[in-house]
Amino acid sequence: MLPYSINTLSSWIRDYHEKGLEGLLVWEYAGSNAHLSQSQQQEVKHQVEQSHHGRVLEVIEWVKQKWPVVYSEDGLRELLHNVGFSYQKGQIVPGKANAEIHVLFLNETFKPMKTNLDSADRYYFMEATHPTHKPVVGYSWALWGQRPHILSNSGRQRLNVLGAYSPIDQAYVGVETTHNVNAETLLKLMDQLEKHQPHGRIILFSDNARYNHARCVRE
């Protein structure tokens, strides 16, 4: 079964009889004129870019209020595609993120550092993580009124990990402890880094945790 309507097939047969095979190879379709001018489309683009609308209906309403133009959902969706938008899930960024400081760090610290690396030098990004050993309850089939019971862990002990990763050679070096991460943990990590990389410079990027500023760490 062909995935084309009778009208489409009839049109192709008529073109073949009138123009031959060459007539079927010419695409003469022309779309309808846009409801909005180029400048108006740019205004729509600016509005959506600033407001991050979650639904096409919200943009349709905004356009209707701005100009006497009513779009269908498919029509407005096509307009958004044409001006460069796609429907996608947002991305969470740290609440204290500062774009200016980030750009300053990249341009004045990180990029010059990478340019001046020797072959034996390595830079690492360091972070601590604190996984907790406990069950995660999910969904399952159960009789009405009889919720499944899942045994929890008998204690609250958790593992703390301070790790460093180098994107140059995919190397990871870490220290695990059941105690709090502190300056002593960081010193152990530094010892591990020196054993892992006995030659070249070691450049370590960290966050602003207090133990990263401890006197013994600075020394």
N, C-alpha and C. Protein backbone atom coordinates (compact mmCIF):
# COMPACT_ATOMS: atom_id res chain seq x y z
N MET A 1 0.85 -1.20 0.00
CA MET A 1 0.00 0.00 0.00
C MET A 1 0.88 1.24 0.00
N LEU A 2 0.64 2.11 -0.98
CA LEU A 2 1.45 3.33 -1.09
C LEU A 2 1.02 4.36 -0.05
N PRO A 3 1.98 5.05 0.56
CA PRO A 3 1.64 6.05 1.59
C PRO A 3 1.29 7.41 0.99
N TYR A 4 0.50 7.43 -0.10
CA TYR A 4 0.12 8.67 -0.75
C TYR A 4 -1.38 8.65 -1.02
N SER A 5 -1.96 9.84 -1.03
CA SER A 5 -3.41 9.93 -1.28
C SER A 5 -3.71 9.78 -2.77
N ILE A 6 -5.01 9.53 -3.07
CA ILE A 6 -5.46 9.39 -4.45
C ILE A 6 -5.21 10.68 -5.22
N ASN A 7 -5.42 11.84 -4.55
CA ASN A 7 -5.22 13.13 -5.23
C ASN A 7 -3.76 13.32 -5.63
N THR A 8 -2.83 12.92 -4.75
CA THR A 8 -1.42 13.06 -5.07
C THR A 8 -1.03 12.17 -6.24
N LEU A 9 -1.50 10.92 -6.24
CA LEU A 9 -1.18 10.01 -7.34
C LEU A 9 -1.79 10.49 -8.65
N SER A 10 -3.02 11.02 -8.58
CA SER A 10 -3.67 11.53 -9.80
C SER A 10 -2.88 12.71 -10.35
N SER A 11 -2.38 13.57 -9.46
CA SER A 11 -1.59 14.72 -9.90
C SER A 11 -0.31 14.29 -10.58
N TRP A 12 0.35 13.25 -10.02
CA TRP A 12 1.58 12.76 -10.64
C TRP A 12 1.31 12.13 -12.01
N ILE A 13 0.21 11.40 -12.14
CA ILE A 13 -0.13 10.79 -13.43
C ILE A 13 -0.41 11.87 -14.47
N ARG A 14 -1.14 12.93 -14.04
CA ARG A 14 -1.44 14.03 -14.96
C ARG A 14 -0.16 14.73 -15.41
N ASP A 15 0.76 14.99 -14.46
CA ASP A 15 2.03 15.64 -14.83
C ASP A 15 2.84 14.77 -15.77
N TYR A 16 2.78 13.47 -15.57
CA TYR A 16 3.54 12.56 -16.44
C TYR A 16 3.00 12.59 -17.86
N HIS A 17 1.66 12.61 -18.00
CA HIS A 17 1.07 12.66 -19.34
C HIS A 17 1.33 14.00 -20.01
N GLU A 18 1.34 15.09 -19.24
CA GLU A 18 1.50 16.42 -19.84
C GLU A 18 2.96 16.79 -20.06
N LYS A 19 3.86 16.40 -19.11
CA LYS A 19 5.25 16.88 -19.17
C LYS A 19 6.27 15.76 -19.29
N GLY A 20 5.81 14.53 -19.22
CA GLY A 20 6.74 13.42 -19.29
C GLY A 20 7.47 13.22 -17.97
N LEU A 21 8.52 12.38 -18.03
CA LEU A 21 9.28 12.05 -16.82
C LEU A 21 9.95 13.28 -16.21
N GLU A 22 10.39 14.20 -17.07
CA GLU A 22 11.05 15.41 -16.57
C GLU A 22 10.09 16.24 -15.71
N GLY A 23 8.82 16.19 -16.02
CA GLY A 23 7.86 16.96 -15.24
C GLY A 23 7.72 16.46 -13.82
N LEU A 24 7.98 15.17 -13.63
CA LEU A 24 7.89 14.61 -12.28
C LEU A 24 9.11 14.94 -11.43
N LEU A 25 10.20 15.34 -12.09
CA LEU A 25 11.44 15.62 -11.37
C LEU A 25 11.55 17.06 -10.92
N VAL A 26 10.57 17.89 -11.24
CA VAL A 26 10.60 19.30 -10.86
C VAL A 26 9.67 19.52 -9.67
N TRP A 27 10.20 20.06 -8.62
CA TRP A 27 9.40 20.34 -7.41
C TRP A 27 8.93 21.79 -7.48
N GLU A 28 7.64 21.99 -7.72
CA GLU A 28 7.12 23.33 -7.94
C GLU A 28 6.32 23.84 -6.75
N TYR A 29 6.48 23.17 -5.60
CA TYR A 29 5.70 23.60 -4.44
C TYR A 29 6.23 24.93 -3.91
N ALA A 30 5.35 25.83 -3.59
CA ALA A 30 5.72 27.11 -2.98
C ALA A 30 4.89 27.30 -1.72
N GLY A 31 5.57 27.55 -0.62
CA GLY A 31 4.87 27.73 0.65
C GLY A 31 4.08 29.03 0.67
N SER A 32 3.17 29.12 1.62
CA SER A 32 2.38 30.35 1.75
C SER A 32 3.21 31.45 2.38
N ASN A 33 2.79 32.68 2.20
CA ASN A 33 3.50 33.82 2.76
C ASN A 33 3.45 33.78 4.30
N ALA A 34 4.52 34.24 4.93
CA ALA A 34 4.57 34.26 6.39
C ALA A 34 3.57 35.26 6.94
N HIS A 35 2.97 34.94 8.08
CA HIS A 35 2.02 35.85 8.72
C HIS A 35 2.73 37.07 9.33
N LEU A 36 3.98 36.90 9.70
CA LEU A 36 4.73 37.98 10.34
C LEU A 36 5.92 38.36 9.47
N SER A 37 6.27 39.64 9.52
CA SER A 37 7.44 40.12 8.78
C SER A 37 8.71 39.62 9.46
N GLN A 38 9.85 39.83 8.82
CA GLN A 38 11.12 39.40 9.39
C GLN A 38 11.40 40.09 10.72
N SER A 39 11.10 41.37 10.79
CA SER A 39 11.33 42.11 12.04
C SER A 39 10.41 41.60 13.15
N GLN A 40 9.16 41.28 12.79
CA GLN A 40 8.23 40.74 13.79
C GLN A 40 8.68 39.35 14.26
N GLN A 41 9.19 38.55 13.35
CA GLN A 41 9.70 37.24 13.73
C GLN A 41 10.88 37.37 14.69
N GLN A 42 11.70 38.39 14.49
CA GLN A 42 12.82 38.61 15.41
C GLN A 42 12.32 39.03 16.79
N GLU A 43 11.21 39.77 16.83
CA GLU A 43 10.61 40.14 18.12
C GLU A 43 10.11 38.89 18.85
N VAL A 44 9.50 37.98 18.09
CA VAL A 44 9.05 36.72 18.69
C VAL A 44 10.25 35.95 19.23
N LYS A 45 11.32 35.91 18.45
CA LYS A 45 12.53 35.21 18.87
C LYS A 45 13.07 35.80 20.17
N HIS A 46 13.11 37.13 20.25
CA HIS A 46 13.62 37.79 21.45
C HIS A 46 12.72 37.50 22.65
N GLN A 47 11.40 37.50 22.45
CA GLN A 47 10.46 37.24 23.53
C GLN A 47 10.64 35.83 24.09
N VAL A 48 10.73 34.84 23.20
CA VAL A 48 10.85 33.45 23.64
C VAL A 48 12.21 33.22 24.30
N GLU A 49 13.24 33.87 23.75
CA GLU A 49 14.58 33.71 24.30
C GLU A 49 14.68 34.26 25.72
N GLN A 50 13.96 35.35 25.99
CA GLN A 50 14.02 35.98 27.30
C GLN A 50 13.07 35.32 28.30
N SER A 51 11.93 34.84 27.84
CA SER A 51 10.88 34.35 28.75
C SER A 51 10.88 32.84 28.93
N HIS A 52 11.52 32.08 28.04
CA HIS A 52 11.59 30.62 28.14
C HIS A 52 10.19 30.01 28.30
N HIS A 53 9.30 30.31 27.38
CA HIS A 53 7.95 29.75 27.42
C HIS A 53 8.00 28.23 27.36
N GLY A 54 7.18 27.59 28.17
CA GLY A 54 7.14 26.14 28.18
C GLY A 54 6.11 25.55 27.24
N ARG A 55 5.15 26.37 26.78
CA ARG A 55 4.09 25.85 25.92
C ARG A 55 3.90 26.76 24.71
N VAL A 56 3.61 26.14 23.58
CA VAL A 56 3.38 26.90 22.35
C VAL A 56 2.18 27.83 22.50
N LEU A 57 1.16 27.41 23.25
CA LEU A 57 -0.04 28.23 23.43
C LEU A 57 0.28 29.57 24.07
N GLU A 58 1.29 29.59 24.94
CA GLU A 58 1.68 30.86 25.57
C GLU A 58 2.23 31.83 24.53
N VAL A 59 3.02 31.31 23.59
CA VAL A 59 3.58 32.17 22.55
C VAL A 59 2.48 32.61 21.58
N ILE A 60 1.54 31.71 21.27
CA ILE A 60 0.41 32.08 20.41
C ILE A 60 -0.37 33.24 21.02
N GLU A 61 -0.61 33.18 22.32
CA GLU A 61 -1.35 34.24 23.00
C GLU A 61 -0.56 35.54 22.99
N TRP A 62 0.75 35.45 23.18
CA TRP A 62 1.57 36.66 23.16
C TRP A 62 1.53 37.31 21.77
N VAL A 63 1.65 36.51 20.71
CA VAL A 63 1.59 37.03 19.35
C VAL A 63 0.24 37.67 19.08
N LYS A 64 -0.83 37.03 19.54
CA LYS A 64 -2.18 37.57 19.31
C LYS A 64 -2.36 38.91 20.01
N GLN A 65 -1.78 39.05 21.21
CA GLN A 65 -1.88 40.31 21.93
C GLN A 65 -1.01 41.39 21.29
N LYS A 66 0.10 40.99 20.71
CA LYS A 66 1.04 41.95 20.13
C LYS A 66 0.58 42.43 18.76
N TRP A 67 0.10 41.51 17.94
CA TRP A 67 -0.37 41.84 16.60
C TRP A 67 -1.70 41.12 16.36
N PRO A 68 -2.51 41.57 15.45
CA PRO A 68 -3.77 40.87 15.15
C PRO A 68 -3.54 39.65 14.28
N VAL A 69 -2.72 38.71 14.78
CA VAL A 69 -2.38 37.51 14.03
C VAL A 69 -2.62 36.31 14.93
N VAL A 70 -3.33 35.31 14.40
CA VAL A 70 -3.62 34.11 15.17
C VAL A 70 -2.94 32.92 14.49
N TYR A 71 -2.07 32.24 15.22
CA TYR A 71 -1.37 31.07 14.73
C TYR A 71 -2.02 29.79 15.26
N SER A 72 -1.94 28.74 14.48
CA SER A 72 -2.27 27.42 15.00
C SER A 72 -1.05 26.91 15.77
N GLU A 73 -1.22 25.84 16.53
CA GLU A 73 -0.09 25.30 17.28
C GLU A 73 1.00 24.80 16.33
N ASP A 74 0.62 24.11 15.27
CA ASP A 74 1.60 23.61 14.31
C ASP A 74 2.30 24.77 13.60
N GLY A 75 1.54 25.82 13.27
CA GLY A 75 2.13 26.96 12.58
C GLY A 75 3.13 27.69 13.45
N LEU A 76 2.78 27.91 14.71
CA LEU A 76 3.70 28.60 15.61
C LEU A 76 4.93 27.75 15.90
N ARG A 77 4.71 26.44 16.02
CA ARG A 77 5.84 25.53 16.27
C ARG A 77 6.82 25.58 15.09
N GLU A 78 6.28 25.63 13.87
CA GLU A 78 7.15 25.73 12.69
C GLU A 78 7.89 27.06 12.68
N LEU A 79 7.22 28.14 13.09
CA LEU A 79 7.87 29.44 13.16
C LEU A 79 9.05 29.40 14.13
N LEU A 80 8.85 28.79 15.28
CA LEU A 80 9.92 28.71 16.27
C LEU A 80 11.10 27.90 15.73
N HIS A 81 10.80 26.82 15.00
CA HIS A 81 11.88 26.05 14.39
C HIS A 81 12.65 26.91 13.38
N ASN A 82 11.92 27.70 12.61
CA ASN A 82 12.54 28.51 11.57
C ASN A 82 13.46 29.58 12.12
N VAL A 83 13.17 30.08 13.34
CA VAL A 83 14.01 31.14 13.92
C VAL A 83 15.04 30.55 14.88
N GLY A 84 15.20 29.22 14.88
CA GLY A 84 16.32 28.63 15.58
C GLY A 84 16.03 27.94 16.90
N PHE A 85 14.76 27.72 17.26
CA PHE A 85 14.44 27.11 18.54
C PHE A 85 14.17 25.62 18.39
N SER A 86 14.40 24.88 19.47
CA SER A 86 13.99 23.50 19.59
C SER A 86 13.45 23.29 20.99
N TYR A 87 12.57 22.30 21.14
CA TYR A 87 11.95 22.04 22.44
C TYR A 87 12.85 21.10 23.22
N GLN A 88 13.40 21.56 24.34
CA GLN A 88 14.37 20.76 25.06
C GLN A 88 14.28 21.02 26.56
N LYS A 89 14.81 20.09 27.31
CA LYS A 89 14.80 20.18 28.77
C LYS A 89 15.85 21.16 29.24
N GLY A 90 15.52 21.96 30.27
CA GLY A 90 16.47 22.92 30.81
C GLY A 90 17.62 22.24 31.54
N GLN A 91 18.66 23.01 31.78
CA GLN A 91 19.84 22.49 32.46
C GLN A 91 20.08 23.29 33.73
N ILE A 92 20.26 22.58 34.84
CA ILE A 92 20.50 23.24 36.12
C ILE A 92 21.95 23.69 36.21
N VAL A 93 22.16 24.92 36.66
CA VAL A 93 23.49 25.44 36.91
C VAL A 93 23.58 25.83 38.38
N PRO A 94 24.77 25.86 38.96
CA PRO A 94 24.90 26.22 40.37
C PRO A 94 24.27 27.58 40.67
N GLY A 95 23.57 27.64 41.82
CA GLY A 95 22.87 28.88 42.17
C GLY A 95 23.79 30.06 42.36
N LYS A 96 25.06 29.81 42.71
CA LYS A 96 26.01 30.90 42.93
C LYS A 96 26.91 31.12 41.73
N ALA A 97 26.56 30.52 40.60
CA ALA A 97 27.40 30.67 39.41
C ALA A 97 27.45 32.12 38.96
N ASN A 98 28.65 32.58 38.60
CA ASN A 98 28.86 33.94 38.14
C ASN A 98 29.52 33.88 36.77
N ALA A 99 28.77 34.23 35.74
CA ALA A 99 29.27 34.09 34.38
C ALA A 99 30.51 34.95 34.14
N GLU A 100 30.56 36.15 34.69
CA GLU A 100 31.71 37.04 34.48
C GLU A 100 32.98 36.44 35.09
N ILE A 101 32.84 35.90 36.32
CA ILE A 101 34.00 35.30 36.96
C ILE A 101 34.44 34.06 36.20
N HIS A 102 33.47 33.31 35.68
CA HIS A 102 33.77 32.10 34.91
C HIS A 102 34.59 32.44 33.67
N VAL A 103 34.15 33.46 32.93
CA VAL A 103 34.87 33.88 31.73
C VAL A 103 36.25 34.41 32.09
N LEU A 104 36.34 35.16 33.20
CA LEU A 104 37.62 35.69 33.65
C LEU A 104 38.59 34.57 33.99
N PHE A 105 38.08 33.53 34.67
CA PHE A 105 38.91 32.38 35.01
C PHE A 105 39.41 31.68 33.75
N LEU A 106 38.51 31.48 32.77
CA LEU A 106 38.91 30.80 31.54
C LEU A 106 39.99 31.57 30.79
N ASN A 107 39.80 32.87 30.65
CA ASN A 107 40.69 33.67 29.81
C ASN A 107 42.00 34.03 30.48
N GLU A 108 41.99 34.26 31.79
CA GLU A 108 43.19 34.75 32.47
C GLU A 108 43.93 33.67 33.25
N THR A 109 43.28 32.54 33.53
CA THR A 109 43.94 31.50 34.31
C THR A 109 44.03 30.18 33.55
N PHE A 110 42.89 29.66 33.13
CA PHE A 110 42.86 28.30 32.59
C PHE A 110 43.53 28.20 31.22
N LYS A 111 43.16 29.05 30.28
CA LYS A 111 43.72 28.96 28.93
C LYS A 111 45.22 29.25 28.91
N PRO A 112 45.71 30.29 29.63
CA PRO A 112 47.18 30.48 29.67
C PRO A 112 47.90 29.30 30.31
N MET A 113 47.29 28.69 31.34
CA MET A 113 47.91 27.53 31.97
C MET A 113 48.05 26.39 30.98
N LYS A 114 47.01 26.10 30.19
CA LYS A 114 47.06 25.01 29.23
C LYS A 114 48.11 25.28 28.15
N THR A 115 48.25 26.55 27.77
CA THR A 115 49.23 26.90 26.73
C THR A 115 50.65 26.64 27.19
N ASN A 116 50.91 26.80 28.50
CA ASN A 116 52.28 26.69 29.02
C ASN A 116 52.58 25.33 29.64
N LEU A 117 51.75 24.33 29.38
CA LEU A 117 52.00 23.00 29.93
C LEU A 117 53.14 22.31 29.18
N ASP A 118 54.02 21.65 29.96
CA ASP A 118 55.02 20.76 29.36
C ASP A 118 54.40 19.38 29.18
N SER A 119 55.10 18.51 28.48
CA SER A 119 54.54 17.19 28.18
C SER A 119 54.28 16.37 29.43
N ALA A 120 55.08 16.58 30.50
CA ALA A 120 54.91 15.79 31.73
C ALA A 120 53.96 16.45 32.72
N ASP A 121 53.53 17.68 32.45
CA ASP A 121 52.64 18.39 33.38
C ASP A 121 51.22 17.84 33.27
N ARG A 122 50.51 17.90 34.39
CA ARG A 122 49.11 17.50 34.42
C ARG A 122 48.32 18.45 35.30
N TYR A 123 47.09 18.74 34.88
CA TYR A 123 46.19 19.51 35.75
C TYR A 123 45.01 18.63 36.12
N TYR A 124 44.53 18.81 37.36
CA TYR A 124 43.46 17.99 37.91
C TYR A 124 42.34 18.87 38.43
N PHE A 125 41.12 18.38 38.30
CA PHE A 125 39.96 19.00 38.94
C PHE A 125 39.58 18.15 40.15
N MET A 126 39.48 18.80 41.31
CA MET A 126 39.25 18.07 42.55
C MET A 126 37.88 18.38 43.13
N GLU A 127 37.23 17.36 43.68
CA GLU A 127 35.92 17.55 44.31
C GLU A 127 35.70 16.43 45.32
N ALA A 128 34.92 16.72 46.34
CA ALA A 128 34.54 15.71 47.33
C ALA A 128 33.11 15.29 47.09
N THR A 129 32.81 14.01 47.35
CA THR A 129 31.45 13.51 47.24
C THR A 129 31.16 12.64 48.46
N HIS A 130 29.88 12.53 48.80
CA HIS A 130 29.51 11.88 50.05
C HIS A 130 28.34 10.91 49.81
N PRO A 131 28.60 9.78 49.14
CA PRO A 131 27.53 8.81 48.90
C PRO A 131 27.04 8.17 50.20
N THR A 132 25.74 8.03 50.33
CA THR A 132 25.14 7.42 51.52
C THR A 132 24.62 6.03 51.18
N HIS A 133 24.90 5.07 52.03
CA HIS A 133 24.48 3.68 51.80
C HIS A 133 23.07 3.51 52.36
N LYS A 134 22.09 3.57 51.50
CA LYS A 134 20.71 3.38 51.93
C LYS A 134 19.88 2.91 50.74
N PRO A 135 18.77 2.22 50.99
CA PRO A 135 17.95 1.74 49.87
C PRO A 135 17.16 2.88 49.22
N VAL A 136 16.92 2.75 47.95
CA VAL A 136 16.07 3.68 47.21
C VAL A 136 14.78 2.95 46.86
N VAL A 137 13.67 3.39 47.42
CA VAL A 137 12.40 2.69 47.26
C VAL A 137 11.78 3.03 45.91
N GLY A 138 11.44 2.02 45.14
CA GLY A 138 10.80 2.23 43.86
C GLY A 138 9.37 1.71 43.86
N TYR A 139 8.78 1.59 42.68
CA TYR A 139 7.40 1.13 42.55
C TYR A 139 7.39 -0.36 42.20
N SER A 140 6.37 -1.07 42.67
CA SER A 140 6.17 -2.48 42.32
C SER A 140 4.69 -2.81 42.47
N TRP A 141 4.27 -3.92 41.87
CA TRP A 141 2.88 -4.35 41.99
C TRP A 141 2.65 -4.95 43.38
N ALA A 142 1.53 -4.59 44.01
CA ALA A 142 1.20 -5.11 45.34
C ALA A 142 -0.31 -5.13 45.49
N LEU A 143 -0.80 -5.95 46.38
CA LEU A 143 -2.23 -6.02 46.63
C LEU A 143 -2.72 -4.71 47.24
N TRP A 144 -3.97 -4.38 46.97
CA TRP A 144 -4.56 -3.15 47.51
C TRP A 144 -4.43 -3.14 49.03
N GLY A 145 -3.95 -2.01 49.55
CA GLY A 145 -3.84 -1.83 50.99
C GLY A 145 -2.66 -2.51 51.64
N GLN A 146 -1.79 -3.15 50.84
CA GLN A 146 -0.63 -3.84 51.39
C GLN A 146 0.64 -3.31 50.72
N ARG A 147 1.15 -2.21 51.25
CA ARG A 147 2.34 -1.60 50.68
C ARG A 147 3.57 -2.45 51.01
N PRO A 148 4.43 -2.70 50.02
CA PRO A 148 5.64 -3.50 50.28
C PRO A 148 6.55 -2.81 51.30
N HIS A 149 7.14 -3.57 52.19
CA HIS A 149 8.08 -3.06 53.18
C HIS A 149 9.50 -3.42 52.75
N ILE A 150 10.35 -2.42 52.73
CA ILE A 150 11.74 -2.60 52.34
C ILE A 150 12.61 -2.35 53.55
N LEU A 151 13.44 -3.31 53.93
CA LEU A 151 14.32 -3.14 55.08
C LEU A 151 15.35 -2.06 54.80
N SER A 152 15.52 -1.17 55.76
CA SER A 152 16.53 -0.12 55.62
C SER A 152 17.85 -0.60 56.22
N ASN A 153 18.89 0.19 56.03
CA ASN A 153 20.19 -0.15 56.61
C ASN A 153 20.15 0.00 58.12
N SER A 154 21.00 -0.75 58.81
CA SER A 154 21.00 -0.71 60.27
C SER A 154 21.74 0.49 60.82
N GLY A 155 22.52 1.18 60.01
CA GLY A 155 23.27 2.33 60.49
C GLY A 155 23.25 3.47 59.50
N ARG A 156 23.89 4.56 59.88
CA ARG A 156 23.91 5.75 59.01
C ARG A 156 25.32 6.07 58.51
N GLN A 157 26.23 5.14 58.65
CA GLN A 157 27.60 5.39 58.22
C GLN A 157 27.65 5.60 56.71
N ARG A 158 28.44 6.55 56.31
CA ARG A 158 28.56 6.81 54.88
C ARG A 158 30.02 6.94 54.50
N LEU A 159 30.28 6.86 53.22
CA LEU A 159 31.64 6.93 52.69
C LEU A 159 31.86 8.32 52.10
N ASN A 160 32.99 8.92 52.43
CA ASN A 160 33.37 10.21 51.88
C ASN A 160 34.56 10.02 50.94
N VAL A 161 34.48 10.62 49.77
CA VAL A 161 35.52 10.45 48.76
C VAL A 161 36.01 11.82 48.32
N LEU A 162 37.32 12.01 48.34
CA LEU A 162 37.94 13.21 47.78
C LEU A 162 38.76 12.76 46.59
N GLY A 163 38.37 13.19 45.40
CA GLY A 163 39.00 12.70 44.18
C GLY A 163 39.48 13.81 43.28
N ALA A 164 40.45 13.47 42.44
CA ALA A 164 40.99 14.42 41.45
C ALA A 164 41.04 13.72 40.10
N TYR A 165 40.66 14.45 39.06
CA TYR A 165 40.57 13.89 37.71
C TYR A 165 41.33 14.76 36.73
N SER A 166 42.14 14.13 35.89
CA SER A 166 42.87 14.85 34.85
C SER A 166 42.30 14.51 33.49
N PRO A 167 41.73 15.48 32.77
CA PRO A 167 41.17 15.19 31.44
C PRO A 167 42.23 14.93 30.38
N ILE A 168 43.50 15.20 30.69
CA ILE A 168 44.55 15.00 29.69
C ILE A 168 44.73 13.51 29.40
N ASP A 169 44.87 12.71 30.46
CA ASP A 169 45.07 11.27 30.27
C ASP A 169 44.00 10.44 30.96
N GLN A 170 42.87 11.07 31.34
CA GLN A 170 41.74 10.38 31.98
C GLN A 170 42.13 9.75 33.31
N ALA A 171 43.14 10.29 33.98
CA ALA A 171 43.61 9.70 35.24
C ALA A 171 42.73 10.15 36.40
N TYR A 172 42.46 9.22 37.31
CA TYR A 172 41.73 9.54 38.54
C TYR A 172 42.54 9.09 39.74
N VAL A 173 42.64 9.96 40.73
CA VAL A 173 43.30 9.64 41.99
C VAL A 173 42.35 10.05 43.10
N GLY A 174 42.11 9.16 44.07
CA GLY A 174 41.14 9.47 45.11
C GLY A 174 41.52 8.90 46.46
N VAL A 175 40.93 9.49 47.49
CA VAL A 175 41.11 9.04 48.87
C VAL A 175 39.71 8.79 49.44
N GLU A 176 39.51 7.63 50.04
CA GLU A 176 38.22 7.29 50.64
C GLU A 176 38.35 7.25 52.15
N THR A 177 37.33 7.73 52.86
CA THR A 177 37.34 7.73 54.31
C THR A 177 35.91 7.69 54.84
N THR A 178 35.75 7.10 56.02
CA THR A 178 34.45 7.13 56.69
C THR A 178 34.34 8.32 57.63
N HIS A 179 35.43 9.10 57.74
CA HIS A 179 35.43 10.31 58.54
C HIS A 179 35.14 11.51 57.62
N ASN A 180 35.02 12.69 58.22
CA ASN A 180 34.78 13.89 57.43
C ASN A 180 35.99 14.22 56.56
N VAL A 181 35.74 14.79 55.39
CA VAL A 181 36.82 15.27 54.54
C VAL A 181 37.38 16.54 55.16
N ASN A 182 38.68 16.58 55.36
CA ASN A 182 39.31 17.74 55.98
C ASN A 182 40.69 17.95 55.37
N ALA A 183 41.48 18.81 56.00
CA ALA A 183 42.81 19.12 55.47
C ALA A 183 43.69 17.89 55.44
N GLU A 184 43.57 17.03 56.43
CA GLU A 184 44.37 15.81 56.45
C GLU A 184 44.04 14.92 55.26
N THR A 185 42.75 14.84 54.90
CA THR A 185 42.35 14.07 53.72
C THR A 185 42.99 14.63 52.47
N LEU A 186 43.01 15.96 52.37
CA LEU A 186 43.59 16.61 51.20
C LEU A 186 45.09 16.35 51.12
N LEU A 187 45.78 16.36 52.25
CA LEU A 187 47.21 16.06 52.25
C LEU A 187 47.47 14.63 51.75
N LYS A 188 46.60 13.69 52.15
CA LYS A 188 46.74 12.33 51.67
C LYS A 188 46.54 12.26 50.16
N LEU A 189 45.57 13.04 49.66
CA LEU A 189 45.34 13.07 48.22
C LEU A 189 46.56 13.63 47.49
N MET A 190 47.16 14.67 48.06
CA MET A 190 48.36 15.25 47.44
C MET A 190 49.49 14.23 47.38
N ASP A 191 49.65 13.45 48.47
CA ASP A 191 50.67 12.39 48.46
C ASP A 191 50.39 11.38 47.37
N GLN A 192 49.12 11.00 47.20
CA GLN A 192 48.76 10.05 46.16
C GLN A 192 49.04 10.60 44.77
N LEU A 193 48.78 11.90 44.59
CA LEU A 193 49.04 12.53 43.30
C LEU A 193 50.53 12.52 42.98
N GLU A 194 51.36 12.78 43.98
CA GLU A 194 52.81 12.79 43.76
C GLU A 194 53.33 11.40 43.42
N LYS A 195 52.74 10.36 44.06
CA LYS A 195 53.14 9.00 43.74
C LYS A 195 52.67 8.61 42.34
N HIS A 196 51.46 9.06 41.98
CA HIS A 196 50.91 8.74 40.66
C HIS A 196 51.69 9.44 39.56
N GLN A 197 52.16 10.66 39.85
CA GLN A 197 52.85 11.45 38.84
C GLN A 197 54.14 12.00 39.42
N PRO A 198 55.22 11.24 39.37
CA PRO A 198 56.47 11.68 39.99
C PRO A 198 57.20 12.76 39.20
N HIS A 199 56.83 12.96 37.94
CA HIS A 199 57.52 13.94 37.11
C HIS A 199 56.54 15.01 36.62
N GLY A 200 57.07 16.20 36.37
CA GLY A 200 56.24 17.29 35.86
C GLY A 200 55.47 18.01 36.96
N ARG A 201 54.86 19.10 36.58
CA ARG A 201 54.08 19.89 37.53
C ARG A 201 52.70 19.28 37.73
N ILE A 202 52.16 19.47 38.93
CA ILE A 202 50.79 19.07 39.26
C ILE A 202 50.00 20.33 39.57
N ILE A 203 48.99 20.61 38.77
CA ILE A 203 48.14 21.80 38.97
C ILE A 203 46.77 21.31 39.40
N LEU A 204 46.33 21.76 40.57
CA LEU A 204 45.11 21.24 41.17
C LEU A 204 44.07 22.36 41.29
N PHE A 205 42.92 22.17 40.64
CA PHE A 205 41.82 23.13 40.73
C PHE A 205 40.80 22.61 41.74
N SER A 206 40.42 23.47 42.67
CA SER A 206 39.49 23.05 43.72
C SER A 206 38.41 24.11 43.93
N ASP A 207 37.43 23.76 44.74
CA ASP A 207 36.40 24.74 45.10
C ASP A 207 36.88 25.53 46.32
N ASN A 208 35.96 26.23 46.98
CA ASN A 208 36.34 27.13 48.06
C ASN A 208 36.09 26.52 49.44
N ALA A 209 36.13 25.18 49.54
CA ALA A 209 35.94 24.54 50.84
C ALA A 209 37.02 25.01 51.82
N ARG A 210 36.67 25.04 53.10
CA ARG A 210 37.58 25.60 54.11
C ARG A 210 38.89 24.82 54.20
N TYR A 211 38.81 23.49 54.08
CA TYR A 211 40.03 22.71 54.24
C TYR A 211 41.02 22.95 53.11
N ASN A 212 40.57 23.51 51.98
CA ASN A 212 41.50 23.83 50.91
C ASN A 212 42.36 25.04 51.24
N HIS A 213 41.98 25.79 52.27
CA HIS A 213 42.74 26.99 52.68
C HIS A 213 43.51 26.78 53.98
N ALA A 214 43.49 25.55 54.50
CA ALA A 214 44.16 25.29 55.77
C ALA A 214 45.65 25.60 55.68
N ARG A 215 46.24 25.98 56.82
CA ARG A 215 47.66 26.37 56.81
C ARG A 215 48.53 25.22 56.36
N CYS A 216 48.26 24.00 56.85
CA CYS A 216 49.12 22.87 56.47
C CYS A 216 49.00 22.58 54.99
N VAL A 217 47.85 22.85 54.38
CA VAL A 217 47.68 22.64 52.95
C VAL A 217 48.47 23.68 52.17
N ARG A 218 48.41 24.94 52.59
CA ARG A 218 49.15 26.00 51.90
C ARG A 218 50.65 25.74 51.98
N GLU A 219 51.11 25.27 53.13
CA GLU A 219 52.54 24.99 53.27
C GLU A 219 52.97 23.85 52.35
